[in-house]
Amino acid sequence: VQLQASGGGLVQSGGSLRLSCAASRSISSINVMGWYRQAPGKQRELVATISSASFTNYADSVKGRFTISRDNGKNTVYLQMNSLKPEDTAVYYCRADLWGGGTTSYWGQGTQVTVSS
C-alpha cells in the first residue's frame, strides 16, 4: 500500500487545515487508517484513527478539534483540523494497518503543519 499525504501548510493559531491521505488501493478492506504526528525533538504520536467500520479514536489533545473521516470511493482518509494551536505544529503522517497473522503497517510521507501564534 502506498500512501500520499497532502494538505499541510502554515496557518495562524485558531485556523483550520484539512489533510488528505490517498491510498494506492482500495481502503475499504484496510482495517485501520490513522494520522500520527512528530514534532521536533519528540516521539511520533497518535493523533486519530478510523477503522474499516468507521470507529474513530482520538488523542486527548485533539478531541473536539480534529475529525478523521474516510471516503472509500476515493480511497482517501481525511483529517479536518480546527482551532489549531501552536503545539499542533508537527510533521503529520498517515498510516494503514492490515491485520492477518499480525499487523502490517504502511506509512506515507509526512506533510508539515505549522501553526503560528
C-alpha atoms as a PDB file:
ATOM      1  CA  VAL A   1       0.000   0.000   0.000  1.00  0.00           C
ATOM      2  CA  GLN A   2       1.375   3.379  -0.965  1.00  0.00           C
ATOM      3  CA  LEU A   3       0.078   6.431   0.859  1.00  0.00           C
ATOM      4  CA  GLN A   4       0.318  10.043  -0.289  1.00  0.00           C
ATOM      5  CA  ALA A   5      -0.308  12.699   2.343  1.00  0.00           C
ATOM      6  CA  SER A   6      -1.084  16.298   1.436  1.00  0.00           C
ATOM      7  CA  GLY A   7      -2.726  19.431   2.736  1.00  0.00           C
ATOM      8  CA  GLY A   8      -0.191  20.717   5.226  1.00  0.00           C
ATOM      9  CA  GLY A   9       0.872  24.316   5.415  1.00  0.00           C
ATOM     10  CA  LEU A  10       1.264  27.409   7.540  1.00  0.00           C
ATOM     11  CA  VAL A  11      -1.771  28.663   9.419  1.00  0.00           C
ATOM     12  CA  GLN A  12      -2.397  31.098  12.240  1.00  0.00           C
ATOM     13  CA  SER A  13      -3.495  29.971  15.667  1.00  0.00           C
ATOM     14  CA  GLY A  14      -7.236  29.293  15.625  1.00  0.00           C
ATOM     15  CA  GLY A  15      -7.227  28.446  11.948  1.00  0.00           C
ATOM     16  CA  SER A  16      -8.094  25.248  10.107  1.00  0.00           C
ATOM     17  CA  LEU A  17      -6.485  22.803   7.720  1.00  0.00           C
ATOM     18  CA  ARG A  18      -7.628  19.582   6.091  1.00  0.00           C
ATOM     19  CA  LEU A  19      -5.100  16.833   5.470  1.00  0.00           C
ATOM     20  CA  SER A  20      -5.679  14.129   2.893  1.00  0.00           C
ATOM     21  CA  CYS A  21      -4.126  10.675   2.629  1.00  0.00           C
ATOM     22  CA  ALA A  22      -4.656   8.984  -0.715  1.00  0.00           C
ATOM     23  CA  ALA A  23      -4.025   5.243  -0.932  1.00  0.00           C
ATOM     24  CA  SER A  24      -2.819   3.307  -3.967  1.00  0.00           C
ATOM     25  CA  ARG A  25      -5.501   0.658  -3.470  1.00  0.00           C
ATOM     26  CA  SER A  26      -8.973   0.278  -2.095  1.00  0.00           C
ATOM     27  CA  ILE A  27      -9.122   1.263   1.558  1.00  0.00           C
ATOM     28  CA  SER A  28     -12.398  -0.498   2.259  1.00  0.00           C
ATOM     29  CA  SER A  29     -10.515  -3.607   3.360  1.00  0.00           C
ATOM     30  CA  ILE A  30      -7.788  -1.775   5.279  1.00  0.00           C
ATOM     31  CA  ASN A  31      -8.502  -2.479   8.939  1.00  0.00           C
ATOM     32  CA  VAL A  32      -7.326   0.789  10.429  1.00  0.00           C
ATOM     33  CA  MET A  33      -6.090   4.023   8.953  1.00  0.00           C
ATOM     34  CA  GLY A  34      -4.667   6.763  11.056  1.00  0.00           C
ATOM     35  CA  TRP A  35      -2.841  10.029  11.388  1.00  0.00           C
ATOM     36  CA  TYR A  36       0.258  10.428  13.518  1.00  0.00           C
ATOM     37  CA  ARG A  37       2.484  13.421  14.107  1.00  0.00           C
ATOM     38  CA  GLN A  38       6.037  14.144  15.141  1.00  0.00           C
ATOM     39  CA  ALA A  39       7.204  17.465  16.486  1.00  0.00           C
ATOM     40  CA  PRO A  40      10.906  18.392  16.555  1.00  0.00           C
ATOM     41  CA  GLY A  41      12.696  16.559  19.346  1.00  0.00           C
ATOM     42  CA  LYS A  42       9.653  14.484  20.218  1.00  0.00           C
ATOM     43  CA  GLN A  43       8.488  10.965  19.519  1.00  0.00           C
ATOM     44  CA  ARG A  44       5.874  10.256  16.903  1.00  0.00           C
ATOM     45  CA  GLU A  45       2.423  10.141  18.474  1.00  0.00           C
ATOM     46  CA  LEU A  46      -1.032   9.008  17.511  1.00  0.00           C
ATOM     47  CA  VAL A  47      -3.462  11.744  16.504  1.00  0.00           C
ATOM     48  CA  ALA A  48      -6.515   9.851  15.284  1.00  0.00           C
ATOM     49  CA  THR A  49      -7.506   6.514  13.796  1.00  0.00           C
ATOM     50  CA  ILE A  50     -10.514   5.199  11.929  1.00  0.00           C
ATOM     51  CA  SER A  51     -11.419   1.566  11.439  1.00  0.00           C
ATOM     52  CA  SER A  52     -12.950  -0.111   8.404  1.00  0.00           C
ATOM     53  CA  ALA A  53     -16.253   0.074  10.297  1.00  0.00           C
ATOM     54  CA  SER A  54     -15.639   3.806  10.813  1.00  0.00           C
ATOM     55  CA  PHE A  55     -14.992   3.588  14.535  1.00  0.00           C
ATOM     56  CA  THR A  56     -12.788   6.514  15.491  1.00  0.00           C
ATOM     57  CA  ASN A  57     -10.225   7.166  18.186  1.00  0.00           C
ATOM     58  CA  TYR A  58      -8.537  10.447  19.080  1.00  0.00           C
ATOM     59  CA  ALA A  59      -5.670  11.633  21.211  1.00  0.00           C
ATOM     60  CA  ASP A  60      -6.955  13.622  24.171  1.00  0.00           C
ATOM     61  CA  SER A  61      -5.087  16.681  22.953  1.00  0.00           C
ATOM     62  CA  VAL A  62      -7.131  16.896  19.742  1.00  0.00           C
ATOM     63  CA  LYS A  63     -10.563  15.710  20.851  1.00  0.00           C
ATOM     64  CA  GLY A  64     -13.256  18.172  19.885  1.00  0.00           C
ATOM     65  CA  ARG A  65     -10.955  19.963  17.429  1.00  0.00           C
ATOM     66  CA  PHE A  66      -9.919  17.312  14.894  1.00  0.00           C
ATOM     67  CA  THR A  67     -12.118  14.962  12.890  1.00  0.00           C
ATOM     68  CA  ILE A  68     -10.929  11.923  10.967  1.00  0.00           C
ATOM     69  CA  SER A  69     -13.030  10.534   8.142  1.00  0.00           C
ATOM     70  CA  ARG A  70     -12.716   8.166   5.218  1.00  0.00           C
ATOM     71  CA  ASP A  71     -14.079   8.139   1.685  1.00  0.00           C
ATOM     72  CA  ASN A  72     -13.821   4.587   0.420  1.00  0.00           C
ATOM     73  CA  GLY A  73     -14.877   5.655  -3.060  1.00  0.00           C
ATOM     74  CA  LYS A  74     -11.859   7.940  -3.318  1.00  0.00           C
ATOM     75  CA  ASN A  75      -9.521   5.665  -1.345  1.00  0.00           C
ATOM     76  CA  THR A  76      -8.762   8.658   0.850  1.00  0.00           C
ATOM     77  CA  VAL A  77      -8.693   9.422   4.551  1.00  0.00           C
ATOM     78  CA  TYR A  78      -9.026  12.982   5.789  1.00  0.00           C
ATOM     79  CA  LEU A  79      -8.084  14.838   8.937  1.00  0.00           C
ATOM     80  CA  GLN A  80     -10.028  18.031   9.467  1.00  0.00           C
ATOM     81  CA  MET A  81      -8.149  20.186  11.946  1.00  0.00           C
ATOM     82  CA  ASN A  82      -9.933  23.147  13.521  1.00  0.00           C
ATOM     83  CA  SER A  83      -8.964  25.568  16.272  1.00  0.00           C
ATOM     84  CA  LEU A  84      -5.318  24.866  15.605  1.00  0.00           C
ATOM     85  CA  LYS A  85      -2.763  25.692  18.272  1.00  0.00           C
ATOM     86  CA  PRO A  86       0.991  26.280  18.037  1.00  0.00           C
ATOM     87  CA  GLU A  87       1.507  22.967  19.835  1.00  0.00           C
ATOM     88  CA  ASP A  88      -0.112  21.208  16.874  1.00  0.00           C
ATOM     89  CA  THR A  89       2.950  22.109  14.818  1.00  0.00           C
ATOM     90  CA  ALA A  90       4.491  18.881  13.562  1.00  0.00           C
ATOM     91  CA  VAL A  91       5.035  16.664  10.576  1.00  0.00           C
ATOM     92  CA  TYR A  92       1.845  14.665  10.089  1.00  0.00           C
ATOM     93  CA  TYR A  93       1.990  11.108   8.740  1.00  0.00           C
ATOM     94  CA  CYS A  94      -0.745   8.753   7.635  1.00  0.00           C
ATOM     95  CA  ARG A  95      -0.605   5.045   8.267  1.00  0.00           C
ATOM     96  CA  ALA A  96      -2.513   1.989   7.093  1.00  0.00           C
ATOM     97  CA  ASP A  97      -2.716  -1.154   9.219  1.00  0.00           C
ATOM     98  CA  LEU A  98      -3.580  -4.531   7.746  1.00  0.00           C
ATOM     99  CA  TRP A  99      -4.440  -7.356  10.142  1.00  0.00           C
ATOM    100  CA  GLY A 100      -3.928 -11.044   9.479  1.00  0.00           C
ATOM    101  CA  GLY A 101      -1.350 -13.165  11.236  1.00  0.00           C
ATOM    102  CA  GLY A 102      -0.062  -9.997  12.842  1.00  0.00           C
ATOM    103  CA  THR A 103      -0.237  -6.354  11.823  1.00  0.00           C
ATOM    104  CA  THR A 104       1.473  -4.922   8.775  1.00  0.00           C
ATOM    105  CA  SER A 105       1.757  -1.152   8.768  1.00  0.00           C
ATOM    106  CA  TYR A 106       2.383   1.152   5.844  1.00  0.00           C
ATOM    107  CA  TRP A 107       3.440   4.773   6.240  1.00  0.00           C
ATOM    108  CA  GLY A 108       3.045   7.701   3.929  1.00  0.00           C
ATOM    109  CA  GLN A 109       5.489  10.544   3.643  1.00  0.00           C
ATOM    110  CA  GLY A 110       4.881  13.375   6.050  1.00  0.00           C
ATOM    111  CA  THR A 111       3.232  16.706   5.488  1.00  0.00           C
ATOM    112  CA  GLN A 112       4.337  19.709   7.521  1.00  0.00           C
ATOM    113  CA  VAL A 113       1.792  21.616   9.582  1.00  0.00           C
ATOM    114  CA  THR A 114       2.982  24.854  11.150  1.00  0.00           C
ATOM    115  CA  VAL A 115       0.733  26.904  13.412  1.00  0.00           C
ATOM    116  CA  SER A 116       1.908  30.403  14.204  1.00  0.00           C
ATOM    117  CA  SER A 117       0.899  32.222  17.369  1.00  0.00           C
END
